[in-house]
Full PDB file with SEQRES, HELIX, SHEET, SSBOND, CRYST1, ORIGX, SCALE, CONECT and MASTER records, all heavy atoms in Angstrom:
SEQRES   1 A   45  ASN ILE THR GLY VAL PRO PHE PHE VAL PHE ASN ASN LYS          
SEQRES   2 A   45  TYR ALA VAL SER GLY ALA GLN PRO GLY PRO VAL PHE THR          
SEQRES   3 A   45  GLU VAL LEU ASP THR VAL TRP ALA GLU GLU GLN ASN THR          
SEQRES   4 A   45  PRO VAL LEU GLN VAL VAL                                      
HELIX    1 AA1 GLY A   22  ALA A   34  1                                  13    
SHEET    1 AA1 3 PHE A   7  PHE A  10  0                                        
SHEET    2 AA1 3 TYR A  14  SER A  17 -1                                        
SHEET    3 AA1 3 GLN A  43  VAL A  44  1                                        
CRYST1    1.000    1.000    1.000  90.00  90.00  90.00 P 1           1          
ORIGX1      1.000000  0.000000  0.000000        0.00000                         
ORIGX2      0.000000  1.000000  0.000000        0.00000                         
ORIGX3      0.000000  0.000000  1.000000        0.00000                         
SCALE1      1.000000  0.000000  0.000000        0.00000                         
SCALE2      0.000000  1.000000  0.000000        0.00000                         
SCALE3      0.000000  0.000000  1.000000        0.00000                         
ATOM      1  N   ASN A   1       9.073   3.446  10.874  1.00  0.00           N  
ATOM      2  CA  ASN A   1       9.364   4.221   9.655  1.00  0.00           C  
ATOM      3  C   ASN A   1       9.301   3.368   8.398  1.00  0.00           C  
ATOM      4  O   ASN A   1      10.065   3.579   7.442  1.00  0.00           O  
ATOM      5  CB  ASN A   1      10.738   4.906   9.760  1.00  0.00           C  
ATOM      6  CG  ASN A   1      10.797   5.937  10.864  1.00  0.00           C  
ATOM      7  OD1 ASN A   1       9.853   6.721  11.044  1.00  0.00           O  
ATOM      8  ND2 ASN A   1      11.878   5.942  11.618  1.00  0.00           N  
ATOM      9  N   ILE A   2       8.381   2.415   8.376  1.00  0.00           N  
ATOM     10  CA  ILE A   2       8.176   1.591   7.199  1.00  0.00           C  
ATOM     11  C   ILE A   2       7.261   2.341   6.238  1.00  0.00           C  
ATOM     12  O   ILE A   2       6.120   2.635   6.562  1.00  0.00           O  
ATOM     13  CB  ILE A   2       7.546   0.232   7.570  1.00  0.00           C  
ATOM     14  CG1 ILE A   2       8.473  -0.553   8.506  1.00  0.00           C  
ATOM     15  CG2 ILE A   2       7.241  -0.575   6.311  1.00  0.00           C  
ATOM     16  CD1 ILE A   2       7.850  -1.821   9.050  1.00  0.00           C  
ATOM     17  N   THR A   3       7.767   2.657   5.070  1.00  0.00           N  
ATOM     18  CA  THR A   3       6.960   3.343   4.058  1.00  0.00           C  
ATOM     19  C   THR A   3       6.775   2.500   2.808  1.00  0.00           C  
ATOM     20  O   THR A   3       6.052   2.890   1.893  1.00  0.00           O  
ATOM     21  CB  THR A   3       7.610   4.682   3.658  1.00  0.00           C  
ATOM     22  OG1 THR A   3       8.931   4.440   3.167  1.00  0.00           O  
ATOM     23  CG2 THR A   3       7.683   5.626   4.861  1.00  0.00           C  
ATOM     24  N   GLY A   4       7.432   1.352   2.750  1.00  0.00           N  
ATOM     25  CA  GLY A   4       7.300   0.464   1.608  1.00  0.00           C  
ATOM     26  C   GLY A   4       7.294  -0.983   2.051  1.00  0.00           C  
ATOM     27  O   GLY A   4       7.864  -1.332   3.093  1.00  0.00           O  
ATOM     28  N   VAL A   5       6.638  -1.815   1.283  1.00  0.00           N  
ATOM     29  CA  VAL A   5       6.561  -3.241   1.591  1.00  0.00           C  
ATOM     30  C   VAL A   5       6.922  -4.055   0.348  1.00  0.00           C  
ATOM     31  O   VAL A   5       6.812  -3.552  -0.774  1.00  0.00           O  
ATOM     32  CB  VAL A   5       5.143  -3.619   2.090  1.00  0.00           C  
ATOM     33  CG1 VAL A   5       4.925  -3.089   3.494  1.00  0.00           C  
ATOM     34  CG2 VAL A   5       4.042  -3.113   1.150  1.00  0.00           C  
ATOM     35  N   PRO A   6       7.402  -5.306   0.557  1.00  0.00           N  
ATOM     36  CA  PRO A   6       7.454  -6.037   1.825  1.00  0.00           C  
ATOM     37  C   PRO A   6       8.576  -5.542   2.730  1.00  0.00           C  
ATOM     38  O   PRO A   6       9.578  -5.003   2.259  1.00  0.00           O  
ATOM     39  CB  PRO A   6       7.724  -7.473   1.384  1.00  0.00           C  
ATOM     40  CG  PRO A   6       8.527  -7.317   0.120  1.00  0.00           C  
ATOM     41  CD  PRO A   6       7.903  -6.127  -0.572  1.00  0.00           C  
ATOM     42  N   PHE A   7       8.383  -5.746   4.010  1.00  0.00           N  
ATOM     43  CA  PHE A   7       9.377  -5.367   5.006  1.00  0.00           C  
ATOM     44  C   PHE A   7       9.462  -6.499   6.018  1.00  0.00           C  
ATOM     45  O   PHE A   7       8.480  -6.819   6.679  1.00  0.00           O  
ATOM     46  CB  PHE A   7       8.981  -4.054   5.692  1.00  0.00           C  
ATOM     47  CG  PHE A   7      10.103  -3.378   6.413  1.00  0.00           C  
ATOM     48  CD1 PHE A   7      10.926  -2.471   5.760  1.00  0.00           C  
ATOM     49  CD2 PHE A   7      10.343  -3.641   7.754  1.00  0.00           C  
ATOM     50  CE1 PHE A   7      11.973  -1.837   6.426  1.00  0.00           C  
ATOM     51  CE2 PHE A   7      11.389  -3.007   8.433  1.00  0.00           C  
ATOM     52  CZ  PHE A   7      12.205  -2.102   7.766  1.00  0.00           C  
ATOM     53  N   PHE A   8      10.640  -7.107   6.125  1.00  0.00           N  
ATOM     54  CA  PHE A   8      10.837  -8.290   6.949  1.00  0.00           C  
ATOM     55  C   PHE A   8      11.682  -7.921   8.173  1.00  0.00           C  
ATOM     56  O   PHE A   8      12.784  -7.384   8.019  1.00  0.00           O  
ATOM     57  CB  PHE A   8      11.563  -9.382   6.170  1.00  0.00           C  
ATOM     58  CG  PHE A   8      10.942  -9.732   4.842  1.00  0.00           C  
ATOM     59  CD1 PHE A   8      11.163  -8.936   3.715  1.00  0.00           C  
ATOM     60  CD2 PHE A   8      10.148 -10.858   4.695  1.00  0.00           C  
ATOM     61  CE1 PHE A   8      10.606  -9.260   2.481  1.00  0.00           C  
ATOM     62  CE2 PHE A   8       9.584 -11.191   3.470  1.00  0.00           C  
ATOM     63  CZ  PHE A   8       9.813 -10.389   2.362  1.00  0.00           C  
ATOM     64  N   VAL A   9      11.183  -8.223   9.359  1.00  0.00           N  
ATOM     65  CA  VAL A   9      11.929  -7.941  10.580  1.00  0.00           C  
ATOM     66  C   VAL A   9      12.252  -9.258  11.278  1.00  0.00           C  
ATOM     67  O   VAL A   9      11.356 -10.034  11.599  1.00  0.00           O  
ATOM     68  CB  VAL A   9      11.139  -7.014  11.526  1.00  0.00           C  
ATOM     69  CG1 VAL A   9      11.906  -6.804  12.831  1.00  0.00           C  
ATOM     70  CG2 VAL A   9      10.875  -5.666  10.857  1.00  0.00           C  
ATOM     71  N   PHE A  10      13.542  -9.481  11.513  1.00  0.00           N  
ATOM     72  CA  PHE A  10      14.021 -10.714  12.116  1.00  0.00           C  
ATOM     73  C   PHE A  10      14.359 -10.475  13.587  1.00  0.00           C  
ATOM     74  O   PHE A  10      15.281  -9.729  13.905  1.00  0.00           O  
ATOM     75  CB  PHE A  10      15.268 -11.211  11.381  1.00  0.00           C  
ATOM     76  CG  PHE A  10      15.037 -11.597   9.948  1.00  0.00           C  
ATOM     77  CD1 PHE A  10      14.817 -10.630   8.970  1.00  0.00           C  
ATOM     78  CD2 PHE A  10      15.044 -12.935   9.567  1.00  0.00           C  
ATOM     79  CE1 PHE A  10      14.622 -10.985   7.645  1.00  0.00           C  
ATOM     80  CE2 PHE A  10      14.847 -13.300   8.241  1.00  0.00           C  
ATOM     81  CZ  PHE A  10      14.628 -12.320   7.281  1.00  0.00           C  
ATOM     82  N   ASN A  11      13.596 -11.109  14.477  1.00  0.00           N  
ATOM     83  CA  ASN A  11      13.835 -11.019  15.917  1.00  0.00           C  
ATOM     84  C   ASN A  11      13.954  -9.582  16.416  1.00  0.00           C  
ATOM     85  O   ASN A  11      14.715  -9.290  17.338  1.00  0.00           O  
ATOM     86  CB  ASN A  11      15.096 -11.793  16.305  1.00  0.00           C  
ATOM     87  CG  ASN A  11      14.861 -13.283  16.396  1.00  0.00           C  
ATOM     88  OD1 ASN A  11      13.746 -13.767  16.227  1.00  0.00           O  
ATOM     89  ND2 ASN A  11      15.921 -14.018  16.659  1.00  0.00           N  
ATOM     90  N   ASN A  12      13.216  -8.675  15.805  1.00  0.00           N  
ATOM     91  CA  ASN A  12      13.238  -7.261  16.197  1.00  0.00           C  
ATOM     92  C   ASN A  12      14.638  -6.655  16.142  1.00  0.00           C  
ATOM     93  O   ASN A  12      14.908  -5.650  16.803  1.00  0.00           O  
ATOM     94  CB  ASN A  12      12.666  -7.083  17.609  1.00  0.00           C  
ATOM     95  CG  ASN A  12      11.197  -7.410  17.675  1.00  0.00           C  
ATOM     96  OD1 ASN A  12      10.429  -6.994  16.806  1.00  0.00           O  
ATOM     97  ND2 ASN A  12      10.798  -8.165  18.682  1.00  0.00           N  
ATOM     98  N   LYS A  13      15.504  -7.246  15.327  1.00  0.00           N  
ATOM     99  CA  LYS A  13      16.885  -6.767  15.277  1.00  0.00           C  
ATOM    100  C   LYS A  13      17.330  -6.388  13.873  1.00  0.00           C  
ATOM    101  O   LYS A  13      17.904  -5.320  13.671  1.00  0.00           O  
ATOM    102  CB  LYS A  13      17.827  -7.821  15.845  1.00  0.00           C  
ATOM    103  CG  LYS A  13      19.286  -7.378  15.860  1.00  0.00           C  
ATOM    104  CD  LYS A  13      20.183  -8.415  16.492  1.00  0.00           C  
ATOM    105  CE  LYS A  13      21.622  -7.911  16.506  1.00  0.00           C  
ATOM    106  NZ  LYS A  13      22.547  -8.900  17.100  1.00  0.00           N  
ATOM    107  N   TYR A  14      17.103  -7.257  12.919  1.00  0.00           N  
ATOM    108  CA  TYR A  14      17.499  -6.988  11.538  1.00  0.00           C  
ATOM    109  C   TYR A  14      16.255  -6.830  10.668  1.00  0.00           C  
ATOM    110  O   TYR A  14      15.248  -7.504  10.895  1.00  0.00           O  
ATOM    111  CB  TYR A  14      18.346  -8.132  10.972  1.00  0.00           C  
ATOM    112  CG  TYR A  14      19.727  -8.231  11.556  1.00  0.00           C  
ATOM    113  CD1 TYR A  14      20.010  -9.130  12.575  1.00  0.00           C  
ATOM    114  CD2 TYR A  14      20.759  -7.422  11.083  1.00  0.00           C  
ATOM    115  CE1 TYR A  14      21.282  -9.224  13.121  1.00  0.00           C  
ATOM    116  CE2 TYR A  14      22.036  -7.507  11.621  1.00  0.00           C  
ATOM    117  CZ  TYR A  14      22.293  -8.409  12.636  1.00  0.00           C  
ATOM    118  OH  TYR A  14      23.554  -8.500  13.171  1.00  0.00           O  
ATOM    119  N   ALA A  15      16.369  -5.980   9.676  1.00  0.00           N  
ATOM    120  CA  ALA A  15      15.258  -5.800   8.747  1.00  0.00           C  
ATOM    121  C   ALA A  15      15.743  -5.913   7.314  1.00  0.00           C  
ATOM    122  O   ALA A  15      16.831  -5.456   6.970  1.00  0.00           O  
ATOM    123  CB  ALA A  15      14.589  -4.440   8.949  1.00  0.00           C  
ATOM    124  N   VAL A  16      14.938  -6.554   6.498  1.00  0.00           N  
ATOM    125  CA  VAL A  16      15.180  -6.614   5.061  1.00  0.00           C  
ATOM    126  C   VAL A  16      14.054  -5.857   4.389  1.00  0.00           C  
ATOM    127  O   VAL A  16      12.885  -6.189   4.557  1.00  0.00           O  
ATOM    128  CB  VAL A  16      15.225  -8.068   4.549  1.00  0.00           C  
ATOM    129  CG1 VAL A  16      15.283  -8.095   3.029  1.00  0.00           C  
ATOM    130  CG2 VAL A  16      16.419  -8.805   5.141  1.00  0.00           C  
ATOM    131  N   SER A  17      14.394  -4.840   3.647  1.00  0.00           N  
ATOM    132  CA  SER A  17      13.409  -4.015   2.967  1.00  0.00           C  
ATOM    133  C   SER A  17      13.341  -4.388   1.499  1.00  0.00           C  
ATOM    134  O   SER A  17      14.345  -4.355   0.787  1.00  0.00           O  
ATOM    135  CB  SER A  17      13.785  -2.529   3.100  1.00  0.00           C  
ATOM    136  OG  SER A  17      12.880  -1.713   2.379  1.00  0.00           O  
ATOM    137  N   GLY A  18      12.172  -4.790   1.052  1.00  0.00           N  
ATOM    138  CA  GLY A  18      11.982  -5.119  -0.349  1.00  0.00           C  
ATOM    139  C   GLY A  18      12.157  -6.593  -0.642  1.00  0.00           C  
ATOM    140  O   GLY A  18      12.586  -7.382   0.203  1.00  0.00           O  
ATOM    141  N   ALA A  19      11.817  -6.980  -1.873  1.00  0.00           N  
ATOM    142  CA  ALA A  19      11.927  -8.372  -2.317  1.00  0.00           C  
ATOM    143  C   ALA A  19      13.360  -8.633  -2.756  1.00  0.00           C  
ATOM    144  O   ALA A  19      13.666  -8.751  -3.941  1.00  0.00           O  
ATOM    145  CB  ALA A  19      10.950  -8.642  -3.464  1.00  0.00           C  
ATOM    146  N   GLN A  20      14.243  -8.722  -1.785  1.00  0.00           N  
ATOM    147  CA  GLN A  20      15.662  -8.882  -2.065  1.00  0.00           C  
ATOM    148  C   GLN A  20      15.975 -10.275  -2.606  1.00  0.00           C  
ATOM    149  O   GLN A  20      15.204 -11.214  -2.425  1.00  0.00           O  
ATOM    150  CB  GLN A  20      16.464  -8.626  -0.786  1.00  0.00           C  
ATOM    151  CG  GLN A  20      16.310  -7.218  -0.225  1.00  0.00           C  
ATOM    152  CD  GLN A  20      16.873  -6.160  -1.159  1.00  0.00           C  
ATOM    153  OE1 GLN A  20      17.848  -6.399  -1.866  1.00  0.00           O  
ATOM    154  NE2 GLN A  20      16.263  -4.981  -1.164  1.00  0.00           N  
ATOM    155  N   PRO A  21      17.123 -10.434  -3.269  1.00  0.00           N  
ATOM    156  CA  PRO A  21      17.531 -11.751  -3.765  1.00  0.00           C  
ATOM    157  C   PRO A  21      17.675 -12.747  -2.614  1.00  0.00           C  
ATOM    158  O   PRO A  21      17.954 -12.368  -1.475  1.00  0.00           O  
ATOM    159  CB  PRO A  21      18.883 -11.468  -4.434  1.00  0.00           C  
ATOM    160  CG  PRO A  21      18.847 -10.015  -4.763  1.00  0.00           C  
ATOM    161  CD  PRO A  21      18.055  -9.370  -3.667  1.00  0.00           C  
ATOM    162  N   GLY A  22      17.524 -14.016  -2.934  1.00  0.00           N  
ATOM    163  CA  GLY A  22      17.585 -15.058  -1.927  1.00  0.00           C  
ATOM    164  C   GLY A  22      18.809 -15.020  -1.027  1.00  0.00           C  
ATOM    165  O   GLY A  22      18.689 -15.207   0.194  1.00  0.00           O  
ATOM    166  N   PRO A  23      20.023 -14.772  -1.559  1.00  0.00           N  
ATOM    167  CA  PRO A  23      21.212 -14.743  -0.705  1.00  0.00           C  
ATOM    168  C   PRO A  23      21.141 -13.713   0.421  1.00  0.00           C  
ATOM    169  O   PRO A  23      21.758 -13.900   1.468  1.00  0.00           O  
ATOM    170  CB  PRO A  23      22.336 -14.409  -1.692  1.00  0.00           C  
ATOM    171  CG  PRO A  23      21.863 -14.976  -2.996  1.00  0.00           C  
ATOM    172  CD  PRO A  23      20.381 -14.713  -3.000  1.00  0.00           C  
ATOM    173  N   VAL A  24      20.410 -12.623   0.212  1.00  0.00           N  
ATOM    174  CA  VAL A  24      20.257 -11.625   1.277  1.00  0.00           C  
ATOM    175  C   VAL A  24      19.502 -12.234   2.447  1.00  0.00           C  
ATOM    176  O   VAL A  24      19.889 -12.094   3.612  1.00  0.00           O  
ATOM    177  CB  VAL A  24      19.533 -10.369   0.751  1.00  0.00           C  
ATOM    178  CG1 VAL A  24      19.223  -9.413   1.911  1.00  0.00           C  
ATOM    179  CG2 VAL A  24      20.367  -9.663  -0.299  1.00  0.00           C  
ATOM    180  N   PHE A  25      18.411 -12.940   2.145  1.00  0.00           N  
ATOM    181  CA  PHE A  25      17.657 -13.595   3.207  1.00  0.00           C  
ATOM    182  C   PHE A  25      18.496 -14.670   3.897  1.00  0.00           C  
ATOM    183  O   PHE A  25      18.463 -14.804   5.127  1.00  0.00           O  
ATOM    184  CB  PHE A  25      16.374 -14.207   2.640  1.00  0.00           C  
ATOM    185  CG  PHE A  25      15.335 -13.217   2.241  1.00  0.00           C  
ATOM    186  CD1 PHE A  25      14.992 -13.041   0.907  1.00  0.00           C  
ATOM    187  CD2 PHE A  25      14.691 -12.437   3.192  1.00  0.00           C  
ATOM    188  CE1 PHE A  25      14.025 -12.114   0.537  1.00  0.00           C  
ATOM    189  CE2 PHE A  25      13.731 -11.509   2.831  1.00  0.00           C  
ATOM    190  CZ  PHE A  25      13.388 -11.347   1.505  1.00  0.00           C  
ATOM    191  N   THR A  26      19.245 -15.419   3.113  1.00  0.00           N  
ATOM    192  CA  THR A  26      20.086 -16.468   3.687  1.00  0.00           C  
ATOM    193  C   THR A  26      21.112 -15.884   4.645  1.00  0.00           C  
ATOM    194  O   THR A  26      21.346 -16.417   5.741  1.00  0.00           O  
ATOM    195  CB  THR A  26      20.800 -17.241   2.565  1.00  0.00           C  
ATOM    196  OG1 THR A  26      19.815 -17.875   1.736  1.00  0.00           O  
ATOM    197  CG2 THR A  26      21.723 -18.303   3.139  1.00  0.00           C  
ATOM    198  N   GLU A  27      21.718 -14.759   4.259  1.00  0.00           N  
ATOM    199  CA  GLU A  27      22.716 -14.108   5.107  1.00  0.00           C  
ATOM    200  C   GLU A  27      22.111 -13.667   6.434  1.00  0.00           C  
ATOM    201  O   GLU A  27      22.705 -13.880   7.503  1.00  0.00           O  
ATOM    202  CB  GLU A  27      23.310 -12.897   4.376  1.00  0.00           C  
ATOM    203  CG  GLU A  27      24.321 -12.124   5.215  1.00  0.00           C  
ATOM    204  CD  GLU A  27      24.801 -10.861   4.524  1.00  0.00           C  
ATOM    205  OE1 GLU A  27      24.420 -10.632   3.355  1.00  0.00           O  
ATOM    206  OE2 GLU A  27      25.562 -10.103   5.153  1.00  0.00           O  
ATOM    207  N   VAL A  28      20.936 -13.066   6.380  1.00  0.00           N  
ATOM    208  CA  VAL A  28      20.308 -12.591   7.614  1.00  0.00           C  
ATOM    209  C   VAL A  28      19.882 -13.765   8.491  1.00  0.00           C  
ATOM    210  O   VAL A  28      20.055 -13.744   9.713  1.00  0.00           O  
ATOM    211  CB  VAL A  28      19.105 -11.682   7.300  1.00  0.00           C  
ATOM    212  CG1 VAL A  28      18.461 -11.204   8.589  1.00  0.00           C  
ATOM    213  CG2 VAL A  28      19.548 -10.484   6.472  1.00  0.00           C  
ATOM    214  N   LEU A  29      19.321 -14.804   7.874  1.00  0.00           N  
ATOM    215  CA  LEU A  29      18.930 -15.986   8.637  1.00  0.00           C  
ATOM    216  C   LEU A  29      20.125 -16.568   9.376  1.00  0.00           C  
ATOM    217  O   LEU A  29      20.039 -16.879  10.580  1.00  0.00           O  
ATOM    218  CB  LEU A  29      18.333 -17.040   7.702  1.00  0.00           C  
ATOM    219  CG  LEU A  29      16.924 -16.778   7.169  1.00  0.00           C  
ATOM    220  CD1 LEU A  29      16.604 -17.757   6.042  1.00  0.00           C  
ATOM    221  CD2 LEU A  29      15.881 -16.892   8.272  1.00  0.00           C  
ATOM    222  N   ASP A  30      21.245 -16.695   8.695  1.00  0.00           N  
ATOM    223  CA  ASP A  30      22.437 -17.260   9.315  1.00  0.00           C  
ATOM    224  C   ASP A  30      22.965 -16.362  10.422  1.00  0.00           C  
ATOM    225  O   ASP A  30      23.391 -16.840  11.489  1.00  0.00           O  
ATOM    226  CB  ASP A  30      23.530 -17.470   8.257  1.00  0.00           C  
ATOM    227  CG  ASP A  30      23.199 -18.584   7.284  1.00  0.00           C  
ATOM    228  OD1 ASP A  30      22.325 -19.418   7.615  1.00  0.00           O  
ATOM    229  OD2 ASP A  30      23.797 -18.619   6.183  1.00  0.00           O  
ATOM    230  N   THR A  31      22.927 -15.047  10.190  1.00  0.00           N  
ATOM    231  CA  THR A  31      23.433 -14.096  11.175  1.00  0.00           C  
ATOM    232  C   THR A  31      22.583 -14.109  12.442  1.00  0.00           C  
ATOM    233  O   THR A  31      23.096 -14.198  13.565  1.00  0.00           O  
ATOM    234  CB  THR A  31      23.471 -12.671  10.588  1.00  0.00           C  
ATOM    235  OG1 THR A  31      24.338 -12.650   9.456  1.00  0.00           O  
ATOM    236  CG2 THR A  31      23.958 -11.668  11.616  1.00  0.00           C  
ATOM    237  N   VAL A  32      21.271 -14.027  12.260  1.00  0.00           N  
ATOM    238  CA  VAL A  32      20.368 -13.984  13.407  1.00  0.00           C  
ATOM    239  C   VAL A  32      20.439 -15.286  14.191  1.00  0.00           C  
ATOM    240  O   VAL A  32      20.377 -15.294  15.425  1.00  0.00           O  
ATOM    241  CB  VAL A  32      18.928 -13.692  12.948  1.00  0.00           C  
ATOM    242  CG1 VAL A  32      17.960 -13.768  14.118  1.00  0.00           C  
ATOM    243  CG2 VAL A  32      18.845 -12.317  12.301  1.00  0.00           C  
ATOM    244  N   TRP A  33      20.557 -16.385  13.464  1.00  0.00           N  
ATOM    245  CA  TRP A  33      20.613 -17.693  14.118  1.00  0.00           C  
ATOM    246  C   TRP A  33      21.814 -17.799  15.049  1.00  0.00           C  
ATOM    247  O   TRP A  33      21.760 -18.436  16.103  1.00  0.00           O  
ATOM    248  CB  TRP A  33      20.669 -18.780  13.051  1.00  0.00           C  
ATOM    249  CG  TRP A  33      20.453 -20.169  13.569  1.00  0.00           C  
ATOM    250  CD1 TRP A  33      21.368 -21.155  13.677  1.00  0.00           C  
ATOM    251  CD2 TRP A  33      19.225 -20.719  14.022  1.00  0.00           C  
ATOM    252  NE1 TRP A  33      20.803 -22.294  14.179  1.00  0.00           N  
ATOM    253  CE2 TRP A  33      19.475 -22.052  14.395  1.00  0.00           C  
ATOM    254  CE3 TRP A  33      17.920 -20.208  14.147  1.00  0.00           C  
ATOM    255  CZ2 TRP A  33      18.485 -22.891  14.889  1.00  0.00           C  
ATOM    256  CZ3 TRP A  33      16.941 -21.044  14.632  1.00  0.00           C  
ATOM    257  CH2 TRP A  33      17.216 -22.368  14.999  1.00  0.00           C  
ATOM    258  N   ALA A  34      22.905 -17.166  14.661  1.00  0.00           N  
ATOM    259  CA  ALA A  34      24.148 -17.285  15.406  1.00  0.00           C  
ATOM    260  C   ALA A  34      24.281 -16.255  16.533  1.00  0.00           C  
ATOM    261  O   ALA A  34      25.066 -16.450  17.464  1.00  0.00           O  
ATOM    262  CB  ALA A  34      25.333 -17.161  14.457  1.00  0.00           C  
ATOM    263  N   GLU A  35      23.547 -15.176  16.457  1.00  0.00           N  
ATOM    264  CA  GLU A  35      23.736 -14.082  17.413  1.00  0.00           C  
ATOM    265  C   GLU A  35      22.771 -14.132  18.590  1.00  0.00           C  
ATOM    266  O   GLU A  35      21.806 -14.892  18.599  1.00  0.00           O  
ATOM    267  CB  GLU A  35      23.555 -12.735  16.697  1.00  0.00           C  
ATOM    268  CG  GLU A  35      24.671 -12.388  15.746  1.00  0.00           C  
ATOM    269  CD  GLU A  35      24.493 -10.997  15.170  1.00  0.00           C  
ATOM    270  OE1 GLU A  35      23.412 -10.400  15.349  1.00  0.00           O  
ATOM    271  OE2 GLU A  35      25.439 -10.511  14.528  1.00  0.00           O  
ATOM    272  N   GLU A  36      23.029 -13.297  19.533  1.00  0.00           N  
ATOM    273  CA  GLU A  36      22.087 -13.110  20.634  1.00  0.00           C  
ATOM    274  C   GLU A  36      20.808 -12.523  20.061  1.00  0.00           C  
ATOM    275  O   GLU A  36      20.821 -11.760  19.100  1.00  0.00           O  
ATOM    276  CB  GLU A  36      22.667 -12.160  21.679  1.00  0.00           C  
ATOM    277  CG  GLU A  36      23.883 -12.720  22.396  1.00  0.00           C  
ATOM    278  CD  GLU A  36      24.421 -11.783  23.445  1.00  0.00           C  
ATOM    279  OE1 GLU A  36      23.862 -10.666  23.556  1.00  0.00           O  
ATOM    280  OE2 GLU A  36      25.377 -12.138  24.115  1.00  0.00           O  
ATOM    281  N   GLN A  37      19.684 -12.832  20.682  1.00  0.00           N  
ATOM    282  CA  GLN A  37      18.390 -12.515  20.096  1.00  0.00           C  
ATOM    283  C   GLN A  37      17.806 -11.169  20.528  1.00  0.00           C  
ATOM    284  O   GLN A  37      16.839 -10.700  19.929  1.00  0.00           O  
ATOM    285  CB  GLN A  37      17.384 -13.620  20.462  1.00  0.00           C  
ATOM    286  CG  GLN A  37      17.849 -15.009  20.091  1.00  0.00           C  
ATOM    287  CD  GLN A  37      18.072 -15.170  18.604  1.00  0.00           C  
ATOM    288  OE1 GLN A  37      17.180 -14.914  17.805  1.00  0.00           O  
ATOM    289  NE2 GLN A  37      19.270 -15.571  18.221  1.00  0.00           N  
ATOM    290  N   ASN A  38      18.327 -10.537  21.515  1.00  0.00           N  
ATOM    291  CA  ASN A  38      17.611  -9.402  22.107  1.00  0.00           C  
ATOM    292  C   ASN A  38      18.252  -8.046  21.903  1.00  0.00           C  
ATOM    293  O   ASN A  38      17.909  -7.088  22.579  1.00  0.00           O  
ATOM    294  CB  ASN A  38      17.435  -9.633  23.607  1.00  0.00           C  
ATOM    295  CG  ASN A  38      16.590 -10.854  23.880  1.00  0.00           C  
ATOM    296  OD1 ASN A  38      15.594 -11.081  23.207  1.00  0.00           O  
ATOM    297  ND2 ASN A  38      17.001 -11.644  24.868  1.00  0.00           N  
ATOM    298  N   THR A  39      19.212  -7.933  20.970  1.00  0.00           N  
ATOM    299  CA  THR A  39      19.801  -6.627  20.695  1.00  0.00           C  
ATOM    300  C   THR A  39      18.741  -5.695  20.133  1.00  0.00           C  
ATOM    301  O   THR A  39      18.083  -6.020  19.153  1.00  0.00           O  
ATOM    302  CB  THR A  39      20.948  -6.750  19.669  1.00  0.00           C  
ATOM    303  OG1 THR A  39      21.899  -7.686  20.182  1.00  0.00           O  
ATOM    304  CG2 THR A  39      21.611  -5.409  19.442  1.00  0.00           C  
ATOM    305  N   PRO A  40      18.534  -4.507  20.730  1.00  0.00           N  
ATOM    306  CA  PRO A  40      17.428  -3.640  20.338  1.00  0.00           C  
ATOM    307  C   PRO A  40      17.627  -2.833  19.068  1.00  0.00           C  
ATOM    308  O   PRO A  40      16.724  -2.173  18.610  1.00  0.00           O  
ATOM    309  CB  PRO A  40      17.302  -2.692  21.538  1.00  0.00           C  
ATOM    310  CG  PRO A  40      18.690  -2.613  22.076  1.00  0.00           C  
ATOM    311  CD  PRO A  40      19.273  -3.985  21.898  1.00  0.00           C  
ATOM    312  N   VAL A  41      18.823  -2.888  18.473  1.00  0.00           N  
ATOM    313  CA  VAL A  41      19.085  -2.054  17.293  1.00  0.00           C  
ATOM    314  C   VAL A  41      18.481  -2.692  16.058  1.00  0.00           C  
ATOM    315  O   VAL A  41      18.726  -3.856  15.760  1.00  0.00           O  
ATOM    316  CB  VAL A  41      20.602  -1.865  17.093  1.00  0.00           C  
ATOM    317  CG1 VAL A  41      20.860  -1.044  15.846  1.00  0.00           C  
ATOM    318  CG2 VAL A  41      21.204  -1.196  18.315  1.00  0.00           C  
ATOM    319  N   LEU A  42      17.677  -1.921  15.330  1.00  0.00           N  
ATOM    320  CA  LEU A  42      17.070  -2.402  14.095  1.00  0.00           C  
ATOM    321  C   LEU A  42      17.928  -1.956  12.924  1.00  0.00           C  
ATOM    322  O   LEU A  42      18.079  -0.770  12.669  1.00  0.00           O  
ATOM    323  CB  LEU A  42      15.652  -1.848  13.942  1.00  0.00           C  
ATOM    324  CG  LEU A  42      14.880  -2.289  12.700  1.00  0.00           C  
ATOM    325  CD1 LEU A  42      14.613  -3.794  12.764  1.00  0.00           C  
ATOM    326  CD2 LEU A  42      13.563  -1.540  12.588  1.00  0.00           C  
ATOM    327  N   GLN A  43      18.515  -2.903  12.224  1.00  0.00           N  
ATOM    328  CA  GLN A  43      19.385  -2.604  11.099  1.00  0.00           C  
ATOM    329  C   GLN A  43      18.687  -3.001   9.809  1.00  0.00           C  
ATOM    330  O   GLN A  43      18.184  -4.105   9.688  1.00  0.00           O  
ATOM    331  CB  GLN A  43      20.707  -3.358  11.228  1.00  0.00           C  
ATOM    332  CG  GLN A  43      21.451  -3.052  12.525  1.00  0.00           C  
ATOM    333  CD  GLN A  43      22.753  -3.819  12.624  1.00  0.00           C  
ATOM    334  OE1 GLN A  43      23.497  -3.903  11.655  1.00  0.00           O  
ATOM    335  NE2 GLN A  43      23.032  -4.371  13.782  1.00  0.00           N  
ATOM    336  N   VAL A  44      18.674  -2.092   8.836  1.00  0.00           N  
ATOM    337  CA  VAL A  44      18.022  -2.356   7.557  1.00  0.00           C  
ATOM    338  C   VAL A  44      19.026  -2.927   6.578  1.00  0.00           C  
ATOM    339  O   VAL A  44      20.079  -2.340   6.335  1.00  0.00           O  
ATOM    340  CB  VAL A  44      17.385  -1.074   6.982  1.00  0.00           C  
ATOM    341  CG1 VAL A  44      16.763  -1.355   5.628  1.00  0.00           C  
ATOM    342  CG2 VAL A  44      16.334  -0.544   7.951  1.00  0.00           C  
ATOM    343  N   VAL A  45      18.713  -4.093   6.029  1.00  0.00           N  
ATOM    344  CA  VAL A  45      19.584  -4.783   5.094  1.00  0.00           C  
ATOM    345  C   VAL A  45      18.989  -4.715   3.699  1.00  0.00           C  
ATOM    346  O   VAL A  45      17.826  -5.043   3.500  1.00  0.00           O  
ATOM    347  CB  VAL A  45      19.769  -6.264   5.500  1.00  0.00           C  
ATOM    348  CG1 VAL A  45      20.652  -6.977   4.493  1.00  0.00           C  
ATOM    349  CG2 VAL A  45      20.347  -6.356   6.906  1.00  0.00           C  
TER     350      VAL A  45                                                      
MASTER        0    0    0    1    3    0    0    6  349    1    0    4          
END                                                                             
């Protein structure tokens, strides 16, 4: 259901929609790094 870009998907779990500020990317990077990698739920940030 991607209708706009850029659209960033991290480990098939988290998604960042749009050219968000740097801290948003930093938060997702830190979260994904710390969590299990295979959760199937795609969350849009």
